[in-house]
Amino acid sequence: MTKNFSIAELTKTSTGLPNALPKHLEPNLQALVDNVLQPARDALGPIQVTSAYRSPEVNVKIGGSKTSQHCLAQAADLKFKGGNDVLFNWLKDNTDFDQLIWEFGTDDAPSWVHISYSPRHRKQILKAVKQNDRTKYLPFQ
């Protein structure tokens, strides 16, 4: 894909299920890498991808949203040793994303960062929180 991101890294799963990227979704994943992941890596250094493409079966097994952009190869969940808050703010200020989510954690730093890249480019910024044992997505303040 690029000098720092491989298809193997972006399709890995610990579910034990197959997770091969369909050929027709390769352009989506390439766009995510070219426009978000590689620029962030170039600017900040190593970024851990904890989840990118998910087959529908993998997505069901992990309890992902039925409309997850991960299944379209348009999203990635990321962690950064320099601080997930640093990564979140850099992505917010420097990329043309579709959706950026501060995933749980504290007010100081998310547990991880979700970002998607698609033709919609909504620039939607959210914060995931648990309310009554359910995940709610609130506008990021």
N, C-alpha and C. Protein backbone atom coordinates (compact mmCIF):
# COMPACT_ATOMS: atom_id res chain seq x y z
N MET A 1 0.83 -1.18 0.00
CA MET A 1 0.00 0.00 0.00
C MET A 1 0.88 1.25 0.00
N THR A 2 1.70 1.41 1.07
CA THR A 2 2.67 2.51 1.12
C THR A 2 3.93 1.99 1.80
N LYS A 3 4.91 2.86 1.99
CA LYS A 3 6.16 2.43 2.61
C LYS A 3 5.97 1.97 4.05
N ASN A 4 4.92 2.40 4.73
CA ASN A 4 4.72 2.04 6.13
C ASN A 4 3.48 1.21 6.43
N PHE A 5 2.62 0.99 5.45
CA PHE A 5 1.38 0.25 5.71
C PHE A 5 1.18 -0.83 4.65
N SER A 6 0.94 -2.05 5.11
CA SER A 6 0.72 -3.18 4.21
C SER A 6 -0.72 -3.67 4.31
N ILE A 7 -1.17 -4.36 3.29
CA ILE A 7 -2.51 -4.95 3.33
C ILE A 7 -2.60 -5.93 4.50
N ALA A 8 -1.54 -6.68 4.76
CA ALA A 8 -1.56 -7.64 5.87
C ALA A 8 -1.84 -6.93 7.20
N GLU A 9 -1.20 -5.79 7.43
CA GLU A 9 -1.42 -5.04 8.66
C GLU A 9 -2.84 -4.51 8.75
N LEU A 10 -3.38 -4.10 7.61
CA LEU A 10 -4.69 -3.45 7.59
C LEU A 10 -5.86 -4.42 7.51
N THR A 11 -5.56 -5.72 7.43
CA THR A 11 -6.62 -6.73 7.40
C THR A 11 -6.46 -7.75 8.53
N LYS A 12 -5.50 -7.53 9.42
CA LYS A 12 -5.28 -8.50 10.50
C LYS A 12 -6.48 -8.52 11.44
N THR A 13 -6.72 -9.70 11.99
CA THR A 13 -7.80 -9.88 12.95
C THR A 13 -7.41 -10.98 13.93
N SER A 14 -7.88 -10.86 15.15
CA SER A 14 -7.62 -11.89 16.15
C SER A 14 -8.83 -12.81 16.32
N THR A 15 -9.81 -12.69 15.43
CA THR A 15 -11.04 -13.48 15.58
C THR A 15 -10.89 -14.92 15.11
N GLY A 16 -9.86 -15.20 14.32
CA GLY A 16 -9.71 -16.53 13.74
C GLY A 16 -10.50 -16.71 12.45
N LEU A 17 -11.22 -15.68 12.05
CA LEU A 17 -12.00 -15.73 10.81
C LEU A 17 -11.19 -15.18 9.64
N PRO A 18 -11.48 -15.64 8.41
CA PRO A 18 -10.82 -15.06 7.25
C PRO A 18 -11.19 -13.58 7.13
N ASN A 19 -10.24 -12.78 6.65
CA ASN A 19 -10.49 -11.34 6.55
C ASN A 19 -9.79 -10.76 5.32
N ALA A 20 -9.91 -11.46 4.21
CA ALA A 20 -9.26 -11.01 2.98
C ALA A 20 -10.00 -9.80 2.41
N LEU A 21 -9.23 -8.83 1.96
CA LEU A 21 -9.80 -7.62 1.36
C LEU A 21 -10.28 -7.92 -0.05
N PRO A 22 -11.58 -7.73 -0.33
CA PRO A 22 -12.06 -7.94 -1.70
C PRO A 22 -11.43 -6.94 -2.66
N LYS A 23 -11.15 -7.39 -3.85
CA LYS A 23 -10.49 -6.56 -4.87
C LYS A 23 -11.22 -5.23 -5.08
N HIS A 24 -12.56 -5.26 -5.11
CA HIS A 24 -13.31 -4.03 -5.40
C HIS A 24 -13.21 -2.99 -4.27
N LEU A 25 -12.73 -3.40 -3.08
CA LEU A 25 -12.58 -2.45 -1.97
C LEU A 25 -11.15 -1.92 -1.84
N GLU A 26 -10.22 -2.46 -2.62
CA GLU A 26 -8.83 -2.00 -2.55
C GLU A 26 -8.69 -0.49 -2.74
N PRO A 27 -9.40 0.13 -3.70
CA PRO A 27 -9.27 1.60 -3.84
C PRO A 27 -9.69 2.37 -2.58
N ASN A 28 -10.67 1.87 -1.87
CA ASN A 28 -11.10 2.54 -0.63
C ASN A 28 -9.99 2.52 0.41
N LEU A 29 -9.39 1.36 0.60
CA LEU A 29 -8.32 1.23 1.59
C LEU A 29 -7.10 2.05 1.16
N GLN A 30 -6.80 2.04 -0.12
CA GLN A 30 -5.67 2.84 -0.61
C GLN A 30 -5.91 4.32 -0.37
N ALA A 31 -7.12 4.79 -0.57
CA ALA A 31 -7.44 6.20 -0.32
C ALA A 31 -7.29 6.55 1.16
N LEU A 32 -7.72 5.65 2.05
CA LEU A 32 -7.56 5.85 3.49
C LEU A 32 -6.08 5.96 3.86
N VAL A 33 -5.28 5.06 3.31
CA VAL A 33 -3.85 5.06 3.61
C VAL A 33 -3.18 6.31 3.04
N ASP A 34 -3.48 6.64 1.79
CA ASP A 34 -2.82 7.78 1.13
C ASP A 34 -3.20 9.12 1.74
N ASN A 35 -4.45 9.26 2.16
CA ASN A 35 -4.94 10.56 2.61
C ASN A 35 -4.96 10.76 4.12
N VAL A 36 -4.85 9.67 4.88
CA VAL A 36 -4.93 9.78 6.33
C VAL A 36 -3.77 9.09 7.03
N LEU A 37 -3.64 7.78 6.83
CA LEU A 37 -2.68 7.02 7.62
C LEU A 37 -1.22 7.39 7.33
N GLN A 38 -0.83 7.41 6.06
CA GLN A 38 0.56 7.72 5.74
C GLN A 38 0.92 9.17 6.09
N PRO A 39 0.06 10.15 5.81
CA PRO A 39 0.40 11.51 6.26
C PRO A 39 0.57 11.61 7.78
N ALA A 40 -0.27 10.92 8.54
CA ALA A 40 -0.13 10.93 10.00
C ALA A 40 1.18 10.27 10.42
N ARG A 41 1.50 9.18 9.79
CA ARG A 41 2.77 8.48 10.08
C ARG A 41 3.97 9.36 9.76
N ASP A 42 3.92 10.02 8.61
CA ASP A 42 5.02 10.90 8.22
C ASP A 42 5.20 12.05 9.21
N ALA A 43 4.11 12.56 9.74
CA ALA A 43 4.17 13.70 10.65
C ALA A 43 4.50 13.31 12.09
N LEU A 44 3.93 12.19 12.56
CA LEU A 44 4.01 11.85 13.99
C LEU A 44 4.93 10.69 14.32
N GLY A 45 5.23 9.85 13.36
CA GLY A 45 5.99 8.64 13.63
C GLY A 45 5.05 7.44 13.69
N PRO A 46 5.54 6.31 14.21
CA PRO A 46 4.75 5.07 14.19
C PRO A 46 3.37 5.21 14.83
N ILE A 47 2.39 4.69 14.12
CA ILE A 47 0.99 4.66 14.58
C ILE A 47 0.54 3.20 14.51
N GLN A 48 -0.09 2.73 15.57
CA GLN A 48 -0.58 1.36 15.59
C GLN A 48 -1.99 1.30 15.03
N VAL A 49 -2.19 0.46 14.03
CA VAL A 49 -3.52 0.21 13.48
C VAL A 49 -4.08 -1.01 14.22
N THR A 50 -5.12 -0.81 15.01
CA THR A 50 -5.70 -1.93 15.76
C THR A 50 -6.81 -2.61 14.98
N SER A 51 -7.41 -1.89 14.02
CA SER A 51 -8.45 -2.45 13.17
C SER A 51 -8.62 -1.54 11.96
N ALA A 52 -8.63 -2.14 10.78
CA ALA A 52 -8.94 -1.36 9.57
C ALA A 52 -10.03 -2.14 8.84
N TYR A 53 -9.71 -2.80 7.72
CA TYR A 53 -10.76 -3.54 7.01
C TYR A 53 -11.29 -4.67 7.88
N ARG A 54 -12.62 -4.83 7.88
CA ARG A 54 -13.28 -5.96 8.55
C ARG A 54 -14.27 -6.58 7.56
N SER A 55 -14.14 -7.87 7.36
CA SER A 55 -15.16 -8.57 6.58
C SER A 55 -16.46 -8.50 7.37
N PRO A 56 -17.60 -8.67 6.70
CA PRO A 56 -18.87 -8.66 7.44
C PRO A 56 -18.89 -9.67 8.58
N GLU A 57 -18.28 -10.84 8.37
CA GLU A 57 -18.25 -11.87 9.41
C GLU A 57 -17.41 -11.43 10.61
N VAL A 58 -16.26 -10.83 10.35
CA VAL A 58 -15.41 -10.33 11.43
C VAL A 58 -16.14 -9.22 12.18
N ASN A 59 -16.80 -8.35 11.45
CA ASN A 59 -17.52 -7.25 12.07
C ASN A 59 -18.62 -7.75 13.00
N VAL A 60 -19.36 -8.77 12.59
CA VAL A 60 -20.40 -9.35 13.44
C VAL A 60 -19.77 -9.97 14.69
N LYS A 61 -18.68 -10.71 14.50
CA LYS A 61 -18.03 -11.40 15.62
C LYS A 61 -17.55 -10.41 16.69
N ILE A 62 -17.06 -9.26 16.28
CA ILE A 62 -16.56 -8.30 17.28
C ILE A 62 -17.65 -7.35 17.79
N GLY A 63 -18.86 -7.48 17.24
CA GLY A 63 -19.96 -6.62 17.69
C GLY A 63 -19.93 -5.23 17.08
N GLY A 64 -19.35 -5.10 15.87
CA GLY A 64 -19.29 -3.81 15.20
C GLY A 64 -20.65 -3.37 14.68
N SER A 65 -20.76 -2.10 14.39
CA SER A 65 -21.99 -1.52 13.84
C SER A 65 -22.32 -2.16 12.49
N LYS A 66 -23.59 -2.36 12.23
CA LYS A 66 -24.02 -2.92 10.95
C LYS A 66 -23.68 -2.01 9.78
N THR A 67 -23.48 -0.73 10.05
CA THR A 67 -23.15 0.24 9.00
C THR A 67 -21.68 0.68 9.07
N SER A 68 -20.85 -0.12 9.71
CA SER A 68 -19.45 0.24 9.92
C SER A 68 -18.71 0.50 8.61
N GLN A 69 -18.00 1.61 8.58
CA GLN A 69 -17.17 1.92 7.43
C GLN A 69 -15.94 1.01 7.36
N HIS A 70 -15.66 0.28 8.44
CA HIS A 70 -14.60 -0.71 8.40
C HIS A 70 -14.91 -1.77 7.33
N CYS A 71 -16.18 -2.12 7.18
CA CYS A 71 -16.58 -3.15 6.20
C CYS A 71 -16.44 -2.66 4.76
N LEU A 72 -16.31 -1.37 4.57
CA LEU A 72 -16.12 -0.79 3.24
C LEU A 72 -14.65 -0.43 3.00
N ALA A 73 -13.78 -0.81 3.94
CA ALA A 73 -12.35 -0.49 3.87
C ALA A 73 -12.13 1.01 3.85
N GLN A 74 -12.96 1.73 4.60
CA GLN A 74 -12.86 3.20 4.66
C GLN A 74 -12.50 3.70 6.05
N ALA A 75 -12.24 2.81 7.01
CA ALA A 75 -12.02 3.26 8.39
C ALA A 75 -10.88 2.49 9.05
N ALA A 76 -10.29 3.13 10.05
CA ALA A 76 -9.25 2.50 10.85
C ALA A 76 -9.36 2.98 12.29
N ASP A 77 -9.02 2.09 13.21
CA ASP A 77 -8.88 2.42 14.62
C ASP A 77 -7.39 2.48 14.91
N LEU A 78 -6.97 3.53 15.60
CA LEU A 78 -5.55 3.82 15.75
C LEU A 78 -5.17 4.11 17.19
N LYS A 79 -3.91 3.82 17.51
CA LYS A 79 -3.31 4.21 18.78
C LYS A 79 -1.94 4.81 18.48
N PHE A 80 -1.53 5.73 19.35
CA PHE A 80 -0.26 6.42 19.16
C PHE A 80 0.45 6.53 20.51
N LYS A 81 1.68 6.03 20.58
CA LYS A 81 2.42 6.06 21.85
C LYS A 81 2.68 7.47 22.35
N GLY A 82 2.68 8.43 21.45
CA GLY A 82 2.87 9.83 21.84
C GLY A 82 1.62 10.46 22.42
N GLY A 83 0.54 9.69 22.49
CA GLY A 83 -0.72 10.16 23.06
C GLY A 83 -1.84 10.12 22.04
N ASN A 84 -2.90 9.40 22.37
CA ASN A 84 -4.04 9.32 21.46
C ASN A 84 -4.71 10.68 21.27
N ASP A 85 -4.61 11.55 22.27
CA ASP A 85 -5.13 12.91 22.13
C ASP A 85 -4.33 13.69 21.10
N VAL A 86 -3.03 13.50 21.08
CA VAL A 86 -2.16 14.15 20.10
C VAL A 86 -2.53 13.68 18.70
N LEU A 87 -2.70 12.37 18.55
CA LEU A 87 -3.10 11.81 17.25
C LEU A 87 -4.45 12.36 16.81
N PHE A 88 -5.43 12.34 17.71
CA PHE A 88 -6.77 12.84 17.40
C PHE A 88 -6.70 14.29 16.90
N ASN A 89 -6.00 15.13 17.64
CA ASN A 89 -5.93 16.56 17.27
C ASN A 89 -5.17 16.77 15.97
N TRP A 90 -4.12 15.99 15.74
CA TRP A 90 -3.39 16.12 14.48
C TRP A 90 -4.30 15.73 13.31
N LEU A 91 -5.02 14.61 13.44
CA LEU A 91 -5.93 14.17 12.37
C LEU A 91 -7.01 15.22 12.13
N LYS A 92 -7.55 15.77 13.20
CA LYS A 92 -8.62 16.78 13.09
C LYS A 92 -8.13 18.01 12.33
N ASP A 93 -6.91 18.40 12.61
CA ASP A 93 -6.39 19.64 12.03
C ASP A 93 -5.71 19.47 10.67
N ASN A 94 -5.38 18.24 10.29
CA ASN A 94 -4.53 18.05 9.12
C ASN A 94 -5.03 17.08 8.06
N THR A 95 -6.18 16.48 8.26
CA THR A 95 -6.67 15.53 7.25
C THR A 95 -8.10 15.87 6.82
N ASP A 96 -8.44 15.40 5.65
CA ASP A 96 -9.77 15.61 5.09
C ASP A 96 -10.59 14.34 5.31
N PHE A 97 -10.96 14.10 6.56
CA PHE A 97 -11.64 12.87 6.95
C PHE A 97 -13.15 12.94 6.72
N ASP A 98 -13.77 11.79 6.79
CA ASP A 98 -15.22 11.73 6.77
C ASP A 98 -15.73 11.77 8.22
N GLN A 99 -15.18 10.89 9.06
CA GLN A 99 -15.62 10.81 10.45
C GLN A 99 -14.40 10.60 11.34
N LEU A 100 -14.36 11.31 12.45
CA LEU A 100 -13.30 11.19 13.44
C LEU A 100 -13.98 11.00 14.79
N ILE A 101 -13.59 9.93 15.51
CA ILE A 101 -14.25 9.64 16.79
C ILE A 101 -13.22 9.47 17.90
N TRP A 102 -13.43 10.23 18.98
CA TRP A 102 -12.70 10.10 20.24
C TRP A 102 -13.36 8.91 20.93
N GLU A 103 -12.70 7.76 20.91
CA GLU A 103 -13.31 6.53 21.41
C GLU A 103 -13.04 6.31 22.89
N PHE A 104 -14.07 6.56 23.69
CA PHE A 104 -14.07 6.31 25.13
C PHE A 104 -12.90 7.01 25.80
N GLY A 105 -12.23 6.36 26.74
CA GLY A 105 -11.12 6.98 27.46
C GLY A 105 -11.60 8.01 28.45
N THR A 106 -10.84 9.10 28.54
CA THR A 106 -11.13 10.18 29.49
C THR A 106 -11.28 11.49 28.72
N ASP A 107 -11.53 12.55 29.45
CA ASP A 107 -11.59 13.87 28.81
C ASP A 107 -10.20 14.31 28.32
N ASP A 108 -9.16 13.69 28.85
CA ASP A 108 -7.79 14.05 28.47
C ASP A 108 -7.28 13.27 27.26
N ALA A 109 -7.73 12.02 27.11
CA ALA A 109 -7.24 11.20 25.99
C ALA A 109 -8.22 10.06 25.71
N PRO A 110 -8.46 9.79 24.43
CA PRO A 110 -9.31 8.65 24.08
C PRO A 110 -8.55 7.33 24.27
N SER A 111 -9.27 6.24 24.40
CA SER A 111 -8.65 4.92 24.46
C SER A 111 -8.03 4.57 23.11
N TRP A 112 -8.69 5.00 22.04
CA TRP A 112 -8.18 4.88 20.68
C TRP A 112 -8.90 5.90 19.82
N VAL A 113 -8.45 6.05 18.59
CA VAL A 113 -9.03 7.01 17.66
C VAL A 113 -9.58 6.25 16.46
N HIS A 114 -10.81 6.55 16.10
CA HIS A 114 -11.42 6.00 14.88
C HIS A 114 -11.44 7.12 13.84
N ILE A 115 -11.00 6.78 12.63
CA ILE A 115 -11.07 7.75 11.54
C ILE A 115 -11.51 7.05 10.28
N SER A 116 -12.32 7.75 9.48
CA SER A 116 -12.73 7.20 8.19
C SER A 116 -12.49 8.22 7.10
N TYR A 117 -12.33 7.70 5.90
CA TYR A 117 -12.11 8.53 4.72
C TYR A 117 -13.02 8.00 3.63
N SER A 118 -13.89 8.84 3.12
CA SER A 118 -14.79 8.44 2.05
C SER A 118 -15.14 9.66 1.22
N PRO A 119 -15.76 9.46 0.08
CA PRO A 119 -16.14 10.60 -0.77
C PRO A 119 -17.08 11.60 -0.08
N ARG A 120 -17.75 11.20 1.00
CA ARG A 120 -18.68 12.11 1.68
C ARG A 120 -17.97 13.28 2.35
N HIS A 121 -16.79 13.05 2.92
CA HIS A 121 -16.03 14.09 3.62
C HIS A 121 -16.91 14.97 4.52
N ARG A 122 -17.67 14.34 5.39
CA ARG A 122 -18.58 15.07 6.27
C ARG A 122 -17.85 15.91 7.33
N LYS A 123 -16.60 15.56 7.61
CA LYS A 123 -15.85 16.22 8.69
C LYS A 123 -16.62 16.12 10.01
N GLN A 124 -17.24 14.96 10.23
CA GLN A 124 -18.03 14.72 11.44
C GLN A 124 -17.07 14.33 12.57
N ILE A 125 -17.17 15.04 13.69
CA ILE A 125 -16.31 14.76 14.84
C ILE A 125 -17.21 14.38 16.02
N LEU A 126 -16.96 13.17 16.56
CA LEU A 126 -17.82 12.62 17.60
C LEU A 126 -16.99 12.13 18.79
N LYS A 127 -17.69 11.87 19.89
CA LYS A 127 -17.09 11.26 21.07
C LYS A 127 -17.95 10.08 21.47
N ALA A 128 -17.34 8.90 21.56
CA ALA A 128 -18.06 7.69 21.96
C ALA A 128 -18.04 7.58 23.48
N VAL A 129 -19.22 7.38 24.06
CA VAL A 129 -19.36 7.20 25.50
C VAL A 129 -20.32 6.05 25.77
N LYS A 130 -20.21 5.48 26.95
CA LYS A 130 -21.16 4.45 27.38
C LYS A 130 -22.24 5.10 28.23
N GLN A 131 -23.49 4.83 27.86
CA GLN A 131 -24.64 5.28 28.65
C GLN A 131 -25.60 4.12 28.74
N ASN A 132 -25.90 3.70 29.96
CA ASN A 132 -26.79 2.56 30.18
C ASN A 132 -26.32 1.32 29.42
N ASP A 133 -25.02 1.05 29.50
CA ASP A 133 -24.38 -0.10 28.84
C ASP A 133 -24.50 -0.09 27.33
N ARG A 134 -24.78 1.06 26.74
CA ARG A 134 -24.85 1.19 25.28
C ARG A 134 -23.89 2.28 24.84
N THR A 135 -23.33 2.10 23.66
CA THR A 135 -22.44 3.12 23.12
C THR A 135 -23.28 4.22 22.48
N LYS A 136 -22.98 5.43 22.86
CA LYS A 136 -23.62 6.62 22.29
C LYS A 136 -22.54 7.47 21.64
N TYR A 137 -22.89 8.07 20.52
CA TYR A 137 -21.96 8.96 19.82
C TYR A 137 -22.49 10.38 19.95
N LEU A 138 -21.73 11.19 20.67
CA LEU A 138 -22.12 12.57 20.93
C LEU A 138 -21.25 13.52 20.11
N PRO A 139 -21.76 14.70 19.81
CA PRO A 139 -20.89 15.68 19.14
C PRO A 139 -19.67 15.96 19.99
N PHE A 140 -18.51 16.03 19.38
CA PHE A 140 -17.28 16.32 20.11
C PHE A 140 -17.25 17.80 20.44
N GLN A 141 -16.94 18.12 21.69
CA GLN A 141 -16.89 19.52 22.12
C GLN A 141 -15.47 19.92 22.43
